Amino acid sequence: MAGIAAGAILGYAWYYFVGCSSGSCAITSKPLNSTLYGALMGFLLAGTLHNIRTKNTHNRNMNIESLIKERKGTLIDVRGYDEFIGGHVAGSRNIPLQEIPARLDELKKLPAPLILFCASGNRSGQAWSFLSQQDIDCVNAGSWLDVNYMIAQNA
């Protein structure tokens, strides 16, 4: 619905600000046509983006679950030491986000892929971005609680 509404608004704005001065343009010569066309494009774009997001999330979760189930890779908690001590995934290593650049050599020697996680997935996402640029095989698993749950389900 949001895609349709946004498309309709942009379609009307296109008519109003750009339009067709000669009146010979089928879509932009009338406000109704331009609004409907914009709504249609908004609907199509929103649907496509939703499908891409859903597919990527599903594939990412399936990949992480299979890595955990098959006990592949290395579990890396990128939270701070105090957070790690307060609760963590059994068998995981604590390498805080700010220490990752200085510990690249150590990370490269660990069994790949690195399964990165933190409290919410934000810091592990930053770690994933940096390590991926260094050609290190890794995945952002999001929250350590989610990883803990996946491990418990596969125990």
Protein backbone atom coordinates (compact mmCIF):
# COMPACT_ATOMS: atom_id res chain seq x y z
CA MET A 1 0.00 0.00 0.00
CA ALA A 2 2.80 2.38 0.84
CA GLY A 3 4.38 1.75 -2.57
CA ILE A 4 1.11 2.55 -4.34
CA ALA A 5 0.59 5.74 -2.31
CA ALA A 6 4.17 6.92 -2.81
CA GLY A 7 3.99 6.11 -6.52
CA ALA A 8 0.70 7.98 -6.90
CA ILE A 9 2.12 11.05 -5.17
CA LEU A 10 5.25 10.98 -7.29
CA GLY A 11 3.18 10.42 -10.43
CA TYR A 12 1.05 13.48 -9.70
CA ALA A 13 4.17 15.49 -8.79
CA TRP A 14 5.69 14.48 -12.13
CA TYR A 15 2.56 15.74 -13.93
CA TYR A 16 2.49 18.96 -11.91
CA PHE A 17 6.19 19.87 -12.13
CA VAL A 18 7.32 18.28 -15.41
CA GLY A 19 4.20 17.28 -17.30
CA CYS A 20 3.74 17.58 -21.01
CA SER A 21 3.30 21.08 -22.38
CA SER A 22 2.07 19.96 -25.82
CA GLY A 23 -0.67 17.66 -24.48
CA SER A 24 0.39 14.85 -26.78
CA CYS A 25 1.98 12.69 -24.08
CA ALA A 26 -0.40 9.87 -23.16
CA ILE A 27 0.78 9.46 -19.59
CA THR A 28 1.85 12.91 -18.41
CA SER A 29 -0.69 15.11 -20.17
CA LYS A 30 -3.49 14.43 -17.63
CA PRO A 31 -3.18 14.34 -13.84
CA LEU A 32 -5.26 11.16 -13.50
CA ASN A 33 -3.14 9.24 -16.02
CA SER A 34 0.11 10.38 -14.44
CA THR A 35 -1.13 9.53 -10.92
CA LEU A 36 -2.34 6.06 -11.94
CA TYR A 37 0.89 5.33 -13.80
CA GLY A 38 2.90 6.41 -10.74
CA ALA A 39 0.74 4.19 -8.50
CA LEU A 40 1.32 1.22 -10.81
CA MET A 41 5.08 1.79 -10.85
CA GLY A 42 5.10 2.20 -7.04
CA PHE A 43 3.18 -1.08 -6.66
CA LEU A 44 5.60 -2.95 -8.94
CA LEU A 45 8.71 -1.50 -7.31
CA ALA A 46 7.47 -2.16 -3.75
CA GLY A 47 6.59 -5.75 -4.65
CA THR A 48 9.97 -6.36 -6.21
CA LEU A 49 11.82 -4.90 -3.23
CA HIS A 50 9.72 -6.99 -0.84
CA ASN A 51 10.52 -10.18 -2.76
CA ILE A 52 14.24 -9.41 -2.81
CA ARG A 53 14.31 -8.64 0.93
CA THR A 54 12.30 -11.75 1.84
CA LYS A 55 14.46 -14.02 -0.34
CA ASN A 56 17.73 -12.60 1.01
CA THR A 57 16.61 -12.92 4.64
CA HIS A 58 15.39 -16.48 4.08
CA ASN A 59 18.58 -17.56 2.29
CA ARG A 60 20.81 -15.90 4.89
CA ASN A 61 18.98 -17.62 7.78
CA MET A 62 19.05 -20.96 5.98
CA ASN A 63 22.80 -20.61 5.36
CA ILE A 64 23.56 -19.68 8.98
CA GLU A 65 21.37 -22.48 10.32
CA SER A 66 23.09 -25.04 8.09
CA LEU A 67 26.55 -23.77 9.14
CA ILE A 68 25.57 -24.12 12.79
CA LYS A 69 23.92 -27.51 12.29
CA GLU A 70 26.97 -28.86 10.48
CA ARG A 71 29.29 -27.18 13.03
CA LYS A 72 31.21 -25.37 10.30
CA GLY A 73 33.14 -22.16 10.73
CA THR A 74 34.04 -20.19 13.84
CA LEU A 75 31.62 -18.38 16.15
CA ILE A 76 32.80 -14.80 16.76
CA ASP A 77 31.06 -12.48 19.24
CA VAL A 78 32.00 -8.88 18.40
CA ARG A 79 30.47 -7.34 21.53
CA GLY A 80 32.65 -5.80 24.23
CA TYR A 81 34.28 -7.99 26.87
CA ASP A 82 31.84 -6.93 29.62
CA GLU A 83 28.84 -7.79 27.42
CA PHE A 84 30.43 -11.13 26.53
CA ILE A 85 31.01 -12.03 30.19
CA GLY A 86 27.36 -11.17 30.94
CA GLY A 87 26.22 -13.98 28.63
CA HIS A 88 27.46 -15.53 25.41
CA VAL A 89 27.18 -18.44 23.01
CA ALA A 90 29.01 -21.50 24.29
CA GLY A 91 32.17 -22.11 22.28
CA SER A 92 32.27 -18.62 20.79
CA ARG A 93 35.32 -16.35 20.73
CA ASN A 94 35.11 -12.75 21.87
CA ILE A 95 36.80 -10.35 19.47
CA PRO A 96 35.31 -6.88 20.07
CA LEU A 97 34.51 -4.86 16.96
CA GLN A 98 37.15 -2.21 17.65
CA GLU A 99 39.87 -4.91 17.87
CA ILE A 100 39.08 -6.57 14.55
CA PRO A 101 41.46 -4.51 12.36
CA ALA A 102 44.38 -5.20 14.71
CA ARG A 103 43.58 -8.95 14.87
CA LEU A 104 43.23 -9.63 11.14
CA ASP A 105 46.08 -12.15 11.06
CA GLU A 106 44.44 -14.13 13.86
CA LEU A 107 41.04 -14.02 12.13
CA LYS A 108 42.51 -15.24 8.82
CA LYS A 109 43.84 -18.37 10.55
CA LEU A 110 40.46 -19.39 12.02
CA PRO A 111 38.30 -22.02 10.30
CA ALA A 112 36.02 -20.27 7.79
CA PRO A 113 33.42 -19.00 7.53
CA LEU A 114 33.42 -16.69 10.52
CA ILE A 115 29.92 -16.52 12.00
CA LEU A 116 29.71 -12.99 13.40
CA PHE A 117 27.16 -11.81 15.94
CA CYS A 118 26.59 -9.18 18.63
CA ALA A 119 23.61 -7.84 20.59
CA SER A 120 21.45 -6.74 17.65
CA GLY A 121 23.34 -7.44 14.43
CA ASN A 122 24.55 -3.88 13.95
CA ARG A 123 28.16 -4.30 15.09
CA SER A 124 28.40 -7.74 13.49
CA GLY A 125 27.16 -6.11 10.27
CA GLN A 126 29.99 -3.59 10.50
CA ALA A 127 32.46 -6.40 11.17
CA TRP A 128 31.07 -8.38 8.23
CA SER A 129 31.45 -5.37 5.93
CA PHE A 130 35.06 -4.79 6.96
CA LEU A 131 36.10 -8.46 6.90
CA SER A 132 34.41 -9.06 3.54
CA GLN A 133 36.50 -6.26 2.07
CA GLN A 134 39.57 -8.11 3.39
CA ASP A 135 38.46 -11.26 1.48
CA ILE A 136 37.64 -13.12 4.69
CA ASP A 137 34.74 -15.58 4.36
CA CYS A 138 32.15 -14.54 6.96
CA VAL A 139 28.43 -14.10 7.62
CA ASN A 140 26.48 -11.69 9.81
CA ALA A 141 24.31 -13.89 12.04
CA GLY A 142 22.72 -10.95 13.86
CA SER A 143 21.98 -11.29 17.56
CA TRP A 144 23.88 -13.69 19.81
CA LEU A 145 20.51 -14.73 21.25
CA ASP A 146 19.39 -15.88 17.78
CA VAL A 147 22.61 -17.85 17.33
CA ASN A 148 22.17 -19.39 20.78
CA TYR A 149 18.62 -20.39 19.83
CA MET A 150 19.77 -21.97 16.54
CA ILE A 151 22.42 -23.97 18.40
CA ALA A 152 19.88 -25.14 20.98
CA GLN A 153 17.48 -26.23 18.19
CA ASN A 154 20.24 -28.27 16.54
CA ALA A 155 21.63 -29.85 19.72
